[in-house]
C-alpha atoms as a PDB file:
ATOM      1  CA  MET A   1      94.980  50.344   9.572  1.00  0.00           C
ATOM      2  CA  GLU A   2      96.171  53.861  10.319  1.00  0.00           C
ATOM      3  CA  THR A   3      94.144  53.977  13.540  1.00  0.00           C
ATOM      4  CA  GLN A   4      95.740  50.750  14.781  1.00  0.00           C
ATOM      5  CA  GLU A   5      99.188  52.183  14.132  1.00  0.00           C
ATOM      6  CA  GLU A   6      98.291  55.358  15.988  1.00  0.00           C
ATOM      7  CA  LEU A   7      96.947  53.312  18.886  1.00  0.00           C
ATOM      8  CA  ALA A   8     100.122  51.228  19.017  1.00  0.00           C
ATOM      9  CA  TYR A   9     102.212  54.407  18.990  1.00  0.00           C
ATOM     10  CA  LEU A  10     100.209  55.900  21.860  1.00  0.00           C
ATOM     11  CA  GLU A  11     100.393  52.702  23.882  1.00  0.00           C
ATOM     12  CA  GLN A  12     104.150  52.763  23.417  1.00  0.00           C
ATOM     13  CA  LYS A  13     104.289  56.321  24.776  1.00  0.00           C
ATOM     14  CA  LEU A  14     102.064  55.721  27.806  1.00  0.00           C
ATOM     15  CA  PRO A  15     104.725  54.452  30.266  1.00  0.00           C
ATOM     16  CA  ARG A  16     106.958  57.460  29.589  1.00  0.00           C
ATOM     17  CA  LEU A  17     104.021  59.868  29.893  1.00  0.00           C
ATOM     18  CA  ARG A  18     102.922  58.270  33.160  1.00  0.00           C
ATOM     19  CA  ALA A  19     106.458  58.602  34.529  1.00  0.00           C
ATOM     20  CA  ARG A  20     106.578  62.273  33.554  1.00  0.00           C
ATOM     21  CA  LEU A  21     103.165  62.880  35.095  1.00  0.00           C
ATOM     22  CA  SER A  22     104.265  61.225  38.315  1.00  0.00           C
ATOM     23  CA  CYS A  23     107.392  63.362  38.414  1.00  0.00           C
ATOM     24  CA  LEU A  24     105.413  66.554  37.809  1.00  0.00           C
ATOM     25  CA  GLN A  25     102.900  65.602  40.500  1.00  0.00           C
ATOM     26  CA  GLN A  26     105.741  65.103  42.983  1.00  0.00           C
ATOM     27  CA  LEU A  27     107.257  68.467  42.071  1.00  0.00           C
ATOM     28  CA  TYR A  28     103.851  70.092  42.534  1.00  0.00           C
ATOM     29  CA  ARG A  29     103.436  68.501  45.980  1.00  0.00           C
ATOM     30  CA  ASP A  30     106.935  69.640  46.953  1.00  0.00           C
ATOM     31  CA  LEU A  31     106.145  73.174  45.798  1.00  0.00           C
ATOM     32  CA  GLN A  32     102.902  73.227  47.777  1.00  0.00           C
ATOM     33  CA  GLN A  33     104.740  72.051  50.889  1.00  0.00           C
ATOM     34  CA  LYS A  34     107.494  74.631  50.440  1.00  0.00           C
ATOM     35  CA  THR A  35     104.954  77.407  49.851  1.00  0.00           C
ATOM     36  CA  ARG A  36     103.076  76.412  53.015  1.00  0.00           C
ATOM     37  CA  GLU A  37     106.346  76.441  54.983  1.00  0.00           C
ATOM     38  CA  ASP A  38     107.238  79.869  53.566  1.00  0.00           C
ATOM     39  CA  PHE A  39     103.849  81.293  54.546  1.00  0.00           C
ATOM     40  CA  ASP A  40     104.165  79.802  58.026  1.00  0.00           C
ATOM     41  CA  GLU A  41     107.604  81.369  58.394  1.00  0.00           C
ATOM     42  CA  GLU A  42     106.300  84.767  57.199  1.00  0.00           C
ATOM     43  CA  ASP A  43     103.491  84.552  59.753  1.00  0.00           C
ATOM     44  CA  LYS A  44     105.993  83.875  62.543  1.00  0.00           C
ATOM     45  CA  VAL A  45     108.196  86.805  61.469  1.00  0.00           C
ATOM     46  CA  GLY A  46     105.135  89.048  61.220  1.00  0.00           C
ATOM     47  CA  ASP A  47     103.983  88.018  64.692  1.00  0.00           C
ATOM     48  CA  ARG A  48     107.428  88.770  66.144  1.00  0.00           C
ATOM     49  CA  MET A  49     107.453  92.175  64.450  1.00  0.00           C
ATOM     50  CA  ASN A  50     103.967  92.956  65.782  1.00  0.00           C
ATOM     51  CA  ASN A  51     104.980  91.888  69.275  1.00  0.00           C
ATOM     52  CA  THR A  52     108.096  94.069  69.139  1.00  0.00           C
ATOM     53  CA  SER A  53     106.169  97.126  67.953  1.00  0.00           C
ATOM     54  CA  ASP A  54     103.521  96.540  70.656  1.00  0.00           C
ATOM     55  CA  GLU A  55     106.215  96.461  73.333  1.00  0.00           C
ATOM     56  CA  GLU A  56     107.726  99.732  72.080  1.00  0.00           C
ATOM     57  CA  GLN A  57     104.419 101.588  72.487  1.00  0.00           C
END
Protein backbone atom coordinates (compact mmCIF):
# COMPACT_ATOMS: atom_id res chain seq x y z
CA MET A 1 0.00 0.00 0.00
CA GLU A 2 2.80 2.41 0.83
CA THR A 3 4.33 2.00 -2.63
CA GLN A 4 1.02 2.88 -4.31
CA GLU A 5 0.78 6.03 -2.21
CA GLU A 6 4.33 6.99 -3.12
CA LEU A 7 3.58 6.36 -6.79
CA ALA A 8 0.45 8.51 -6.62
CA TYR A 9 2.44 11.28 -4.93
CA LEU A 10 5.12 11.17 -7.62
CA GLU A 11 2.57 11.16 -10.42
CA GLN A 12 1.00 14.23 -8.84
CA LYS A 13 4.38 15.99 -8.86
CA LEU A 14 5.31 15.11 -12.45
CA PRO A 15 3.55 18.00 -14.26
CA ARG A 16 5.21 20.58 -12.00
CA LEU A 17 8.61 18.92 -12.38
CA ARG A 18 8.24 18.79 -16.16
CA ALA A 19 7.35 22.50 -16.21
CA ARG A 20 10.40 23.34 -14.11
CA LEU A 21 12.62 21.21 -16.32
CA SER A 22 11.29 22.94 -19.41
CA CYS A 23 11.95 26.34 -17.86
CA LEU A 24 15.50 25.37 -16.88
CA GLN A 25 16.17 24.00 -20.36
CA GLN A 26 15.03 27.29 -21.89
CA LEU A 27 17.25 29.27 -19.52
CA TYR A 28 20.18 27.02 -20.44
CA ARG A 29 19.56 27.56 -24.17
CA ASP A 30 19.34 31.32 -23.61
CA LEU A 31 22.60 31.27 -21.67
CA GLN A 32 24.34 29.29 -24.41
CA GLN A 33 23.12 31.76 -27.02
CA LYS A 34 24.22 34.75 -24.95
CA THR A 35 27.63 33.18 -24.29
CA ARG A 36 28.09 32.53 -28.02
CA GLU A 37 27.15 36.15 -28.78
CA ASP A 38 29.59 37.40 -26.13
CA PHE A 39 32.43 35.32 -27.57
CA ASP A 40 31.61 36.53 -31.08
CA GLU A 41 31.68 40.13 -29.86
CA GLU A 42 35.03 39.57 -28.08
CA ASP A 43 36.45 38.11 -31.29
CA LYS A 44 35.35 41.19 -33.25
CA VAL A 45 36.87 43.55 -30.67
CA GLY A 46 40.08 41.51 -30.65
CA ASP A 47 40.27 41.60 -34.44
CA ARG A 48 39.81 45.38 -34.46
CA MET A 49 42.53 45.77 -31.83
CA ASN A 50 44.90 43.55 -33.82
CA ASN A 51 44.18 45.50 -36.99
CA THR A 52 44.83 48.80 -35.22
CA SER A 53 48.13 47.61 -33.75
CA ASP A 54 49.19 46.23 -37.16
CA GLU A 55 48.52 49.61 -38.77
CA GLU A 56 50.60 51.42 -36.13
CA GLN A 57 53.68 49.30 -36.90
